[in-house]
PDB file of all heavy atoms in Angstrom:
ATOM      1  N   GLN A   1       7.963  -0.490 -10.469  1.00  0.00           N
ATOM      2  CA  GLN A   1       6.815   0.239 -10.825  1.00  0.00           C
ATOM      3  C   GLN A   1       6.284   1.058  -9.646  1.00  0.00           C
ATOM      4  O   GLN A   1       6.431   0.635  -8.474  1.00  0.00           O
ATOM      5  CB  GLN A   1       5.741  -0.755 -11.319  1.00  0.00           C
ATOM      6  CG  GLN A   1       6.177  -1.414 -12.604  1.00  0.00           C
ATOM      7  CD  GLN A   1       5.007  -2.099 -13.335  1.00  0.00           C
ATOM      8  OE1 GLN A   1       3.987  -1.563 -13.411  1.00  0.00           O
ATOM      9  NE2 GLN A   1       5.274  -3.321 -13.798  1.00  0.00           N
ATOM     10  N   PRO A   2       5.686   2.152  -9.895  1.00  0.00           N
ATOM     11  CA  PRO A   2       5.268   3.083  -8.796  1.00  0.00           C
ATOM     12  C   PRO A   2       4.365   2.438  -7.709  1.00  0.00           C
ATOM     13  O   PRO A   2       4.595   2.676  -6.561  1.00  0.00           O
ATOM     14  CB  PRO A   2       4.536   4.242  -9.514  1.00  0.00           C
ATOM     15  CG  PRO A   2       5.145   4.224 -10.894  1.00  0.00           C
ATOM     16  CD  PRO A   2       5.489   2.806 -11.183  1.00  0.00           C
ATOM     17  N   LEU A   3       3.433   1.583  -8.161  1.00  0.00           N
ATOM     18  CA  LEU A   3       2.547   0.974  -7.188  1.00  0.00           C
ATOM     19  C   LEU A   3       3.327   0.049  -6.308  1.00  0.00           C
ATOM     20  O   LEU A   3       3.151   0.153  -5.017  1.00  0.00           O
ATOM     21  CB  LEU A   3       1.470   0.173  -7.891  1.00  0.00           C
ATOM     22  CG  LEU A   3       0.481  -0.666  -6.975  1.00  0.00           C
ATOM     23  CD1 LEU A   3      -0.248   0.197  -6.089  1.00  0.00           C
ATOM     24  CD2 LEU A   3      -0.379  -1.570  -7.879  1.00  0.00           C
ATOM     25  N   LEU A   4       4.236  -0.726  -6.794  1.00  0.00           N
ATOM     26  CA  LEU A   4       5.031  -1.613  -6.033  1.00  0.00           C
ATOM     27  C   LEU A   4       5.944  -0.861  -5.061  1.00  0.00           C
ATOM     28  O   LEU A   4       6.021  -1.208  -3.866  1.00  0.00           O
ATOM     29  CB  LEU A   4       5.865  -2.552  -6.882  1.00  0.00           C
ATOM     30  CG  LEU A   4       6.828  -3.499  -6.221  1.00  0.00           C
ATOM     31  CD1 LEU A   4       6.083  -4.432  -5.260  1.00  0.00           C
ATOM     32  CD2 LEU A   4       7.621  -4.297  -7.247  1.00  0.00           C
ATOM     33  N   ARG A   5       6.616   0.165  -5.558  1.00  0.00           N
ATOM     34  CA  ARG A   5       7.506   0.923  -4.755  1.00  0.00           C
ATOM     35  C   ARG A   5       6.789   1.659  -3.623  1.00  0.00           C
ATOM     36  O   ARG A   5       7.213   1.646  -2.481  1.00  0.00           O
ATOM     37  CB  ARG A   5       8.280   1.931  -5.552  1.00  0.00           C
ATOM     38  CG  ARG A   5       9.276   2.778  -4.683  1.00  0.00           C
ATOM     39  CD  ARG A   5      10.025   3.748  -5.466  1.00  0.00           C
ATOM     40  NE  ARG A   5      11.044   3.173  -6.354  1.00  0.00           N
ATOM     41  CZ  ARG A   5      11.835   3.885  -7.105  1.00  0.00           C
ATOM     42  NH1 ARG A   5      11.777   5.203  -7.198  1.00  0.00           N
ATOM     43  NH2 ARG A   5      12.758   3.199  -7.832  1.00  0.00           N
ATOM     44  N   SER A   6       5.663   2.284  -3.900  1.00  0.00           N
ATOM     45  CA  SER A   6       4.910   2.994  -2.880  1.00  0.00           C
ATOM     46  C   SER A   6       4.348   2.040  -1.758  1.00  0.00           C
ATOM     47  O   SER A   6       4.368   2.331  -0.578  1.00  0.00           O
ATOM     48  CB  SER A   6       3.810   3.767  -3.437  1.00  0.00           C
ATOM     49  OG  SER A   6       2.844   2.929  -4.106  1.00  0.00           O
ATOM     50  N   PHE A   7       3.966   0.795  -2.226  1.00  0.00           N
ATOM     51  CA  PHE A   7       3.554  -0.238  -1.268  1.00  0.00           C
ATOM     52  C   PHE A   7       4.714  -0.623  -0.385  1.00  0.00           C
ATOM     53  O   PHE A   7       4.535  -0.789   0.868  1.00  0.00           O
ATOM     54  CB  PHE A   7       2.981  -1.444  -2.065  1.00  0.00           C
ATOM     55  CG  PHE A   7       2.600  -2.623  -1.216  1.00  0.00           C
ATOM     56  CD1 PHE A   7       1.374  -2.647  -0.652  1.00  0.00           C
ATOM     57  CD2 PHE A   7       3.400  -3.679  -1.082  1.00  0.00           C
ATOM     58  CE1 PHE A   7       0.959  -3.644   0.157  1.00  0.00           C
ATOM     59  CE2 PHE A   7       3.070  -4.776  -0.324  1.00  0.00           C
ATOM     60  CZ  PHE A   7       1.831  -4.782   0.339  1.00  0.00           C
ATOM     61  N   ALA A   8       5.838  -0.825  -0.983  1.00  0.00           N
ATOM     62  CA  ALA A   8       7.048  -1.198  -0.189  1.00  0.00           C
ATOM     63  C   ALA A   8       7.453  -0.140   0.766  1.00  0.00           C
ATOM     64  O   ALA A   8       7.805  -0.383   1.944  1.00  0.00           O
ATOM     65  CB  ALA A   8       8.226  -1.552  -1.134  1.00  0.00           C
ATOM     66  N   GLU A   9       7.407   1.122   0.313  1.00  0.00           N
ATOM     67  CA  GLU A   9       7.791   2.239   1.210  1.00  0.00           C
ATOM     68  C   GLU A   9       6.873   2.364   2.376  1.00  0.00           C
ATOM     69  O   GLU A   9       7.238   2.672   3.442  1.00  0.00           O
ATOM     70  CB  GLU A   9       7.868   3.512   0.406  1.00  0.00           C
ATOM     71  CG  GLU A   9       9.028   3.612  -0.606  1.00  0.00           C
ATOM     72  CD  GLU A   9      10.419   3.783   0.101  1.00  0.00           C
ATOM     73  OE1 GLU A   9      10.420   3.864   1.307  1.00  0.00           O
ATOM     74  OE2 GLU A   9      11.430   3.808  -0.618  1.00  0.00           O
ATOM     75  N   ALA A  10       5.591   2.107   2.104  1.00  0.00           N
ATOM     76  CA  ALA A  10       4.562   2.268   3.101  1.00  0.00           C
ATOM     77  C   ALA A  10       4.805   1.169   4.202  1.00  0.00           C
ATOM     78  O   ALA A  10       4.841   1.418   5.426  1.00  0.00           O
ATOM     79  CB  ALA A  10       3.199   2.098   2.594  1.00  0.00           C
ATOM     80  N   ASN A  11       5.141  -0.027   3.805  1.00  0.00           N
ATOM     81  CA  ASN A  11       5.403  -1.150   4.728  1.00  0.00           C
ATOM     82  C   ASN A  11       6.645  -0.823   5.537  1.00  0.00           C
ATOM     83  O   ASN A  11       6.743  -1.169   6.722  1.00  0.00           O
ATOM     84  CB  ASN A  11       5.530  -2.443   3.986  1.00  0.00           C
ATOM     85  CG  ASN A  11       4.157  -3.090   3.695  1.00  0.00           C
ATOM     86  OD1 ASN A  11       3.704  -3.914   4.477  1.00  0.00           O
ATOM     87  ND2 ASN A  11       3.473  -2.672   2.666  1.00  0.00           N
ATOM     88  N   ALA A  12       7.652  -0.219   4.921  1.00  0.00           N
ATOM     89  CA  ALA A  12       8.882   0.142   5.617  1.00  0.00           C
ATOM     90  C   ALA A  12       8.602   1.148   6.691  1.00  0.00           C
ATOM     91  O   ALA A  12       9.193   1.152   7.755  1.00  0.00           O
ATOM     92  CB  ALA A  12       9.867   0.666   4.619  1.00  0.00           C
ATOM     93  N   ARG A  13       7.687   2.100   6.420  1.00  0.00           N
ATOM     94  CA  ARG A  13       7.335   3.117   7.451  1.00  0.00           C
ATOM     95  C   ARG A  13       6.576   2.536   8.580  1.00  0.00           C
ATOM     96  O   ARG A  13       6.726   2.954   9.701  1.00  0.00           O
ATOM     97  CB  ARG A  13       6.467   4.220   6.742  1.00  0.00           C
ATOM     98  CG  ARG A  13       7.237   5.078   5.787  1.00  0.00           C
ATOM     99  CD  ARG A  13       6.388   6.251   5.280  1.00  0.00           C
ATOM    100  NE  ARG A  13       7.102   6.992   4.259  1.00  0.00           N
ATOM    101  CZ  ARG A  13       6.746   6.932   2.959  1.00  0.00           C
ATOM    102  NH1 ARG A  13       5.660   6.177   2.630  1.00  0.00           N
ATOM    103  NH2 ARG A  13       7.375   7.636   2.070  1.00  0.00           N
ATOM    104  N   TYR A  14       5.760   1.457   8.336  1.00  0.00           N
ATOM    105  CA  TYR A  14       5.083   0.833   9.381  1.00  0.00           C
ATOM    106  C   TYR A  14       6.104   0.176  10.352  1.00  0.00           C
ATOM    107  O   TYR A  14       5.915   0.231  11.603  1.00  0.00           O
ATOM    108  CB  TYR A  14       4.199  -0.345   8.887  1.00  0.00           C
ATOM    109  CG  TYR A  14       3.145   0.042   7.844  1.00  0.00           C
ATOM    110  CD1 TYR A  14       2.616  -0.935   6.970  1.00  0.00           C
ATOM    111  CD2 TYR A  14       2.699   1.338   7.739  1.00  0.00           C
ATOM    112  CE1 TYR A  14       1.690  -0.627   6.045  1.00  0.00           C
ATOM    113  CE2 TYR A  14       1.743   1.696   6.760  1.00  0.00           C
ATOM    114  CZ  TYR A  14       1.233   0.687   5.926  1.00  0.00           C
ATOM    115  OH  TYR A  14       0.305   1.009   5.007  1.00  0.00           O
ATOM    116  N   ARG A  15       7.168  -0.297   9.806  1.00  0.00           N
ATOM    117  CA  ARG A  15       8.137  -0.987  10.648  1.00  0.00           C
ATOM    118  C   ARG A  15       9.128  -0.129  11.346  1.00  0.00           C
ATOM    119  O   ARG A  15       9.544  -0.387  12.478  1.00  0.00           O
ATOM    120  CB  ARG A  15       8.930  -2.003   9.762  1.00  0.00           C
ATOM    121  CG  ARG A  15      10.040  -2.759  10.442  1.00  0.00           C
ATOM    122  CD  ARG A  15       9.514  -3.703  11.591  1.00  0.00           C
ATOM    123  NE  ARG A  15       8.734  -4.769  11.016  1.00  0.00           N
ATOM    124  CZ  ARG A  15       9.240  -5.887  10.618  1.00  0.00           C
ATOM    125  NH1 ARG A  15      10.574  -6.054  10.665  1.00  0.00           N
ATOM    126  NH2 ARG A  15       8.471  -6.842  10.177  1.00  0.00           N
ATOM    127  N   ASP A  16       9.559   0.966  10.704  1.00  0.00           N
ATOM    128  CA  ASP A  16      10.681   1.757  11.212  1.00  0.00           C
ATOM    129  C   ASP A  16      10.346   2.801  12.301  1.00  0.00           C
ATOM    130  O   ASP A  16      11.161   3.518  12.868  1.00  0.00           O
ATOM    131  CB  ASP A  16      11.506   2.457  10.117  1.00  0.00           C
ATOM    132  CG  ASP A  16      10.685   3.561   9.416  1.00  0.00           C
ATOM    133  OD1 ASP A  16       9.664   4.031   9.916  1.00  0.00           O
ATOM    134  OD2 ASP A  16      11.107   3.968   8.244  1.00  0.00           O
ATOM    135  N   GLY A  17       9.020   2.893  12.661  1.00  0.00           N
ATOM    136  CA  GLY A  17       8.658   3.804  13.657  1.00  0.00           C
ATOM    137  C   GLY A  17       8.318   5.198  13.233  1.00  0.00           C
ATOM    138  O   GLY A  17       7.912   6.055  14.023  1.00  0.00           O
ATOM    139  N   SER A  18       8.356   5.495  11.912  1.00  0.00           N
ATOM    140  CA  SER A  18       8.096   6.849  11.419  1.00  0.00           C
ATOM    141  C   SER A  18       6.573   7.091  11.366  1.00  0.00           C
ATOM    142  O   SER A  18       6.158   8.236  11.274  1.00  0.00           O
ATOM    143  CB  SER A  18       8.668   7.059  10.052  1.00  0.00           C
ATOM    144  OG  SER A  18       8.203   6.174   9.113  1.00  0.00           O
ATOM    145  N   MET A  19       5.813   6.019  11.521  1.00  0.00           N
ATOM    146  CA  MET A  19       4.316   6.146  11.579  1.00  0.00           C
ATOM    147  C   MET A  19       3.880   5.491  12.850  1.00  0.00           C
ATOM    148  O   MET A  19       4.039   4.312  13.025  1.00  0.00           O
ATOM    149  CB  MET A  19       3.652   5.569  10.375  1.00  0.00           C
ATOM    150  CG  MET A  19       3.921   6.243   9.095  1.00  0.00           C
ATOM    151  SD  MET A  19       2.943   5.504   7.722  1.00  0.00           S
ATOM    152  CE  MET A  19       1.275   5.873   8.197  1.00  0.00           C
ATOM    153  N   ARG A  20       3.174   6.261  13.726  1.00  0.00           N
ATOM    154  CA  ARG A  20       2.609   5.611  14.932  1.00  0.00           C
ATOM    155  C   ARG A  20       1.336   4.965  14.611  1.00  0.00           C
ATOM    156  O   ARG A  20       1.006   3.889  15.193  1.00  0.00           O
ATOM    157  CB  ARG A  20       2.421   6.715  15.953  1.00  0.00           C
ATOM    158  CG  ARG A  20       1.769   6.230  17.315  1.00  0.00           C
ATOM    159  CD  ARG A  20       2.736   5.333  18.075  1.00  0.00           C
ATOM    160  NE  ARG A  20       2.079   4.730  19.154  1.00  0.00           N
ATOM    161  CZ  ARG A  20       1.783   5.336  20.395  1.00  0.00           C
ATOM    162  NH1 ARG A  20       2.226   6.582  20.546  1.00  0.00           N
ATOM    163  NH2 ARG A  20       1.243   4.679  21.380  1.00  0.00           N
ATOM    164  N   PHE A  21       0.544   5.582  13.759  1.00  0.00           N
ATOM    165  CA  PHE A  21      -0.802   5.042  13.439  1.00  0.00           C
ATOM    166  C   PHE A  21      -0.992   5.024  11.917  1.00  0.00           C
ATOM    167  O   PHE A  21      -0.504   5.878  11.176  1.00  0.00           O
ATOM    168  CB  PHE A  21      -1.909   5.807  14.092  1.00  0.00           C
ATOM    169  CG  PHE A  21      -1.852   5.880  15.538  1.00  0.00           C
ATOM    170  CD1 PHE A  21      -1.342   6.985  16.192  1.00  0.00           C
ATOM    171  CD2 PHE A  21      -2.266   4.788  16.307  1.00  0.00           C
ATOM    172  CE1 PHE A  21      -1.263   7.021  17.560  1.00  0.00           C
ATOM    173  CE2 PHE A  21      -2.207   4.852  17.728  1.00  0.00           C
ATOM    174  CZ  PHE A  21      -1.723   5.960  18.375  1.00  0.00           C
ATOM    175  N   VAL A  22      -1.651   4.033  11.433  1.00  0.00           N
ATOM    176  CA  VAL A  22      -2.045   3.909  10.028  1.00  0.00           C
ATOM    177  C   VAL A  22      -3.571   4.114   9.936  1.00  0.00           C
ATOM    178  O   VAL A  22      -4.338   3.483  10.647  1.00  0.00           O
ATOM    179  CB  VAL A  22      -1.720   2.555   9.392  1.00  0.00           C
ATOM    180  CG1 VAL A  22      -2.069   2.472   7.955  1.00  0.00           C
ATOM    181  CG2 VAL A  22      -0.212   2.231   9.626  1.00  0.00           C
ATOM    182  N   LYS A  23      -3.978   5.058   9.098  1.00  0.00           N
ATOM    183  CA  LYS A  23      -5.408   5.429   8.958  1.00  0.00           C
ATOM    184  C   LYS A  23      -5.964   4.948   7.626  1.00  0.00           C
ATOM    185  O   LYS A  23      -5.319   5.255   6.628  1.00  0.00           O
ATOM    186  CB  LYS A  23      -5.636   6.925   9.180  1.00  0.00           C
ATOM    187  CG  LYS A  23      -5.183   7.371  10.585  1.00  0.00           C
ATOM    188  CD  LYS A  23      -5.545   8.845  10.829  1.00  0.00           C
ATOM    189  CE  LYS A  23      -5.195   9.240  12.258  1.00  0.00           C
ATOM    190  NZ  LYS A  23      -5.525  10.643  12.540  1.00  0.00           N
ATOM    191  N   LEU A  24      -7.050   4.181   7.697  1.00  0.00           N
ATOM    192  CA  LEU A  24      -7.539   3.484   6.469  1.00  0.00           C
ATOM    193  C   LEU A  24      -8.908   4.045   6.148  1.00  0.00           C
ATOM    194  O   LEU A  24      -9.773   4.185   7.056  1.00  0.00           O
ATOM    195  CB  LEU A  24      -7.526   1.995   6.722  1.00  0.00           C
ATOM    196  CG  LEU A  24      -6.241   1.346   7.190  1.00  0.00           C
ATOM    197  CD1 LEU A  24      -6.472  -0.104   7.506  1.00  0.00           C
ATOM    198  CD2 LEU A  24      -5.171   1.507   6.064  1.00  0.00           C
ATOM    199  N   LEU A  25      -9.125   4.222   4.842  1.00  0.00           N
ATOM    200  CA  LEU A  25     -10.520   4.565   4.361  1.00  0.00           C
ATOM    201  C   LEU A  25     -10.842   3.597   3.150  1.00  0.00           C
ATOM    202  O   LEU A  25     -10.066   2.697   2.849  1.00  0.00           O
ATOM    203  CB  LEU A  25     -10.509   5.996   3.913  1.00  0.00           C
ATOM    204  CG  LEU A  25     -10.575   7.040   5.010  1.00  0.00           C
ATOM    205  CD1 LEU A  25     -10.452   8.462   4.430  1.00  0.00           C
ATOM    206  CD2 LEU A  25     -11.939   6.965   5.790  1.00  0.00           C
ATOM    207  N   ASP A  26     -11.935   3.910   2.578  1.00  0.00           N
ATOM    208  CA  ASP A  26     -12.491   3.075   1.454  1.00  0.00           C
ATOM    209  C   ASP A  26     -11.411   2.662   0.485  1.00  0.00           C
ATOM    210  O   ASP A  26     -10.722   3.494  -0.138  1.00  0.00           O
ATOM    211  CB  ASP A  26     -13.560   3.879   0.746  1.00  0.00           C
ATOM    212  CG  ASP A  26     -14.443   3.012  -0.192  1.00  0.00           C
ATOM    213  OD1 ASP A  26     -13.830   2.305  -0.983  1.00  0.00           O
ATOM    214  OD2 ASP A  26     -15.643   3.203  -0.157  1.00  0.00           O
ATOM    215  N   GLY A  27     -11.303   1.360   0.166  1.00  0.00           N
ATOM    216  CA  GLY A  27     -10.296   0.860  -0.755  1.00  0.00           C
ATOM    217  C   GLY A  27     -10.460   1.387  -2.148  1.00  0.00           C
ATOM    218  O   GLY A  27      -9.525   1.425  -2.941  1.00  0.00           O
ATOM    219  N   GLY A  28     -11.710   1.814  -2.487  1.00  0.00           N
ATOM    220  CA  GLY A  28     -11.875   2.350  -3.816  1.00  0.00           C
ATOM    221  C   GLY A  28     -11.207   3.650  -4.097  1.00  0.00           C
ATOM    222  O   GLY A  28     -11.144   4.128  -5.236  1.00  0.00           O
ATOM    223  N   LEU A  29     -10.692   4.306  -3.051  1.00  0.00           N
ATOM    224  CA  LEU A  29      -9.964   5.539  -3.335  1.00  0.00           C
ATOM    225  C   LEU A  29      -8.728   5.395  -4.107  1.00  0.00           C
ATOM    226  O   LEU A  29      -8.246   6.285  -4.871  1.00  0.00           O
ATOM    227  CB  LEU A  29      -9.626   6.212  -1.954  1.00  0.00           C
ATOM    228  CG  LEU A  29     -10.782   6.686  -1.097  1.00  0.00           C
ATOM    229  CD1 LEU A  29     -10.245   7.098   0.245  1.00  0.00           C
ATOM    230  CD2 LEU A  29     -11.546   7.800  -1.731  1.00  0.00           C
ATOM    231  N   VAL A  30      -8.115   4.156  -3.989  1.00  0.00           N
ATOM    232  CA  VAL A  30      -6.857   3.902  -4.794  1.00  0.00           C
ATOM    233  C   VAL A  30      -7.060   2.775  -5.805  1.00  0.00           C
ATOM    234  O   VAL A  30      -6.304   2.625  -6.704  1.00  0.00           O
ATOM    235  CB  VAL A  30      -5.643   3.604  -3.873  1.00  0.00           C
ATOM    236  CG1 VAL A  30      -5.307   4.775  -3.079  1.00  0.00           C
ATOM    237  CG2 VAL A  30      -5.922   2.515  -2.928  1.00  0.00           C
ATOM    238  N   ASP A  31      -8.055   1.917  -5.585  1.00  0.00           N
ATOM    239  CA  ASP A  31      -8.279   0.749  -6.430  1.00  0.00           C
ATOM    240  C   ASP A  31      -9.652   0.193  -6.252  1.00  0.00           C
ATOM    241  O   ASP A  31      -9.855  -0.538  -5.276  1.00  0.00           O
ATOM    242  CB  ASP A  31      -7.213  -0.333  -6.170  1.00  0.00           C
ATOM    243  CG  ASP A  31      -7.579  -1.633  -6.928  1.00  0.00           C
ATOM    244  OD1 ASP A  31      -8.234  -1.637  -7.954  1.00  0.00           O
ATOM    245  OD2 ASP A  31      -7.209  -2.752  -6.375  1.00  0.00           O
ATOM    246  N   ASN A  32     -10.615   0.615  -7.109  1.00  0.00           N
ATOM    247  CA  ASN A  32     -11.946   0.202  -6.874  1.00  0.00           C
ATOM    248  C   ASN A  32     -12.317  -1.188  -7.505  1.00  0.00           C
ATOM    249  O   ASN A  32     -13.393  -1.635  -7.484  1.00  0.00           O
ATOM    250  CB  ASN A  32     -12.926   1.255  -7.503  1.00  0.00           C
ATOM    251  CG  ASN A  32     -14.356   1.165  -6.882  1.00  0.00           C
ATOM    252  OD1 ASN A  32     -14.506   0.909  -5.679  1.00  0.00           O
ATOM    253  ND2 ASN A  32     -15.373   1.255  -7.697  1.00  0.00           N
ATOM    254  N   PHE A  33     -11.217  -1.824  -8.059  1.00  0.00           N
ATOM    255  CA  PHE A  33     -11.465  -3.137  -8.623  1.00  0.00           C
ATOM    256  C   PHE A  33     -11.005  -4.296  -7.720  1.00  0.00           C
ATOM    257  O   PHE A  33     -11.192  -5.467  -7.953  1.00  0.00           O
ATOM    258  CB  PHE A  33     -10.696  -3.274 -10.006  1.00  0.00           C
ATOM    259  CG  PHE A  33     -11.234  -2.309 -10.999  1.00  0.00           C
ATOM    260  CD1 PHE A  33     -10.531  -1.218 -11.341  1.00  0.00           C
ATOM    261  CD2 PHE A  33     -12.494  -2.520 -11.639  1.00  0.00           C
ATOM    262  CE1 PHE A  33     -10.994  -0.319 -12.311  1.00  0.00           C
ATOM    263  CE2 PHE A  33     -12.933  -1.624 -12.642  1.00  0.00           C
ATOM    264  CZ  PHE A  33     -12.225  -0.523 -12.926  1.00  0.00           C
ATOM    265  N   GLY A  34     -10.265  -3.892  -6.661  1.00  0.00           N
ATOM    266  CA  GLY A  34      -9.782  -4.946  -5.720  1.00  0.00           C
ATOM    267  C   GLY A  34      -8.683  -5.788  -6.251  1.00  0.00           C
ATOM    268  O   GLY A  34      -8.481  -6.923  -5.853  1.00  0.00           O
ATOM    269  N   LEU A  35      -7.870  -5.265  -7.234  1.00  0.00           N
ATOM    270  CA  LEU A  35      -6.820  -6.074  -7.906  1.00  0.00           C
ATOM    271  C   LEU A  35      -5.416  -5.796  -7.365  1.00  0.00           C
ATOM    272  O   LEU A  35      -4.429  -6.345  -7.911  1.00  0.00           O
ATOM    273  CB  LEU A  35      -6.870  -5.850  -9.372  1.00  0.00           C
ATOM    274  CG  LEU A  35      -8.104  -6.389 -10.087  1.00  0.00           C
ATOM    275  CD1 LEU A  35      -8.152  -5.897 -11.594  1.00  0.00           C
ATOM    276  CD2 LEU A  35      -8.104  -7.924 -10.084  1.00  0.00           C
ATOM    277  N   SER A  36      -5.302  -4.787  -6.449  1.00  0.00           N
ATOM    278  CA  SER A  36      -3.982  -4.332  -6.040  1.00  0.00           C
ATOM    279  C   SER A  36      -3.091  -5.434  -5.511  1.00  0.00           C
ATOM    280  O   SER A  36      -1.908  -5.506  -5.786  1.00  0.00           O
ATOM    281  CB  SER A  36      -4.090  -3.239  -5.030  1.00  0.00           C
ATOM    282  OG  SER A  36      -4.619  -2.033  -5.582  1.00  0.00           O
ATOM    283  N   GLY A  37      -3.658  -6.274  -4.674  1.00  0.00           N
ATOM    284  CA  GLY A  37      -2.861  -7.344  -4.015  1.00  0.00           C
ATOM    285  C   GLY A  37      -2.232  -8.244  -5.090  1.00  0.00           C
ATOM    286  O   GLY A  37      -0.994  -8.489  -5.040  1.00  0.00           O
ATOM    287  N   PHE A  38      -3.062  -8.685  -6.028  1.00  0.00           N
ATOM    288  CA  PHE A  38      -2.506  -9.611  -7.017  1.00  0.00           C
ATOM    289  C   PHE A  38      -1.507  -8.834  -8.007  1.00  0.00           C
ATOM    290  O   PHE A  38      -0.518  -9.370  -8.402  1.00  0.00           O
ATOM    291  CB  PHE A  38      -3.628 -10.239  -7.836  1.00  0.00           C
ATOM    292  CG  PHE A  38      -3.238 -11.503  -8.541  1.00  0.00           C
ATOM    293  CD1 PHE A  38      -2.930 -12.678  -7.865  1.00  0.00           C
ATOM    294  CD2 PHE A  38      -3.129 -11.490  -9.969  1.00  0.00           C
ATOM    295  CE1 PHE A  38      -2.531 -13.784  -8.517  1.00  0.00           C
ATOM    296  CE2 PHE A  38      -2.766 -12.617 -10.643  1.00  0.00           C
ATOM    297  CZ  PHE A  38      -2.472 -13.804  -9.883  1.00  0.00           C
ATOM    298  N   SER A  39      -1.858  -7.570  -8.295  1.00  0.00           N
ATOM    299  CA  SER A  39      -0.989  -6.786  -9.177  1.00  0.00           C
ATOM    300  C   SER A  39       0.366  -6.587  -8.500  1.00  0.00           C
ATOM    301  O   SER A  39       1.406  -6.677  -9.173  1.00  0.00           O
ATOM    302  CB  SER A  39      -1.626  -5.395  -9.388  1.00  0.00           C
ATOM    303  OG  SER A  39      -2.872  -5.530 -10.066  1.00  0.00           O
ATOM    304  N   ILE A  40       0.406  -6.372  -7.199  1.00  0.00           N
ATOM    305  CA  ILE A  40       1.695  -6.169  -6.513  1.00  0.00           C
ATOM    306  C   ILE A  40       2.520  -7.479  -6.524  1.00  0.00           C
ATOM    307  O   ILE A  40       3.719  -7.425  -6.807  1.00  0.00           O
ATOM    308  CB  ILE A  40       1.469  -5.662  -5.013  1.00  0.00           C
ATOM    309  CG1 ILE A  40       0.920  -4.270  -5.046  1.00  0.00           C
ATOM    310  CG2 ILE A  40       2.676  -5.835  -4.244  1.00  0.00           C
ATOM    311  CD1 ILE A  40       0.338  -3.782  -3.780  1.00  0.00           C
ATOM    312  N   ALA A  41       1.798  -8.566  -6.348  1.00  0.00           N
ATOM    313  CA  ALA A  41       2.530  -9.840  -6.354  1.00  0.00           C
ATOM    314  C   ALA A  41       3.144 -10.102  -7.709  1.00  0.00           C
ATOM    315  O   ALA A  41       4.242 -10.641  -7.860  1.00  0.00           O
ATOM    316  CB  ALA A  41       1.586 -10.978  -5.968  1.00  0.00           C
ATOM    317  N   LEU A  42       2.384  -9.773  -8.810  1.00  0.00           N
ATOM    318  CA  LEU A  42       2.876  -9.876 -10.150  1.00  0.00           C
ATOM    319  C   LEU A  42       4.071  -9.009 -10.421  1.00  0.00           C
ATOM    320  O   LEU A  42       5.120  -9.401 -11.022  1.00  0.00           O
ATOM    321  CB  LEU A  42       1.822  -9.662 -11.155  1.00  0.00           C
ATOM    322  CG  LEU A  42       0.670 -10.761 -11.223  1.00  0.00           C
ATOM    323  CD1 LEU A  42      -0.442 -10.239 -12.176  1.00  0.00           C
ATOM    324  CD2 LEU A  42       1.253 -12.039 -11.769  1.00  0.00           C
ATOM    325  N   MET A  43       3.946  -7.730  -9.931  1.00  0.00           N
ATOM    326  CA  MET A  43       5.097  -6.784 -10.191  1.00  0.00           C
ATOM    327  C   MET A  43       6.336  -7.170  -9.483  1.00  0.00           C
ATOM    328  O   MET A  43       7.435  -6.926  -9.920  1.00  0.00           O
ATOM    329  CB  MET A  43       4.669  -5.378  -9.672  1.00  0.00           C
ATOM    330  CG  MET A  43       3.521  -4.723 -10.505  1.00  0.00           C
ATOM    331  SD  MET A  43       3.035  -3.197  -9.736  1.00  0.00           S
ATOM    332  CE  MET A  43       1.587  -2.777 -10.723  1.00  0.00           C
TER     333      MET A  43
END
């Protein structure tokens, strides 16, 4: 599923050196219910 794949790809970029810095803003921009973590685990 797209959410799971994009989450996995992001974590891979953190590890492989293609991103020097990760910039974070309000969690509500992508999930204002705070359910992403549990949804990813279910997926």
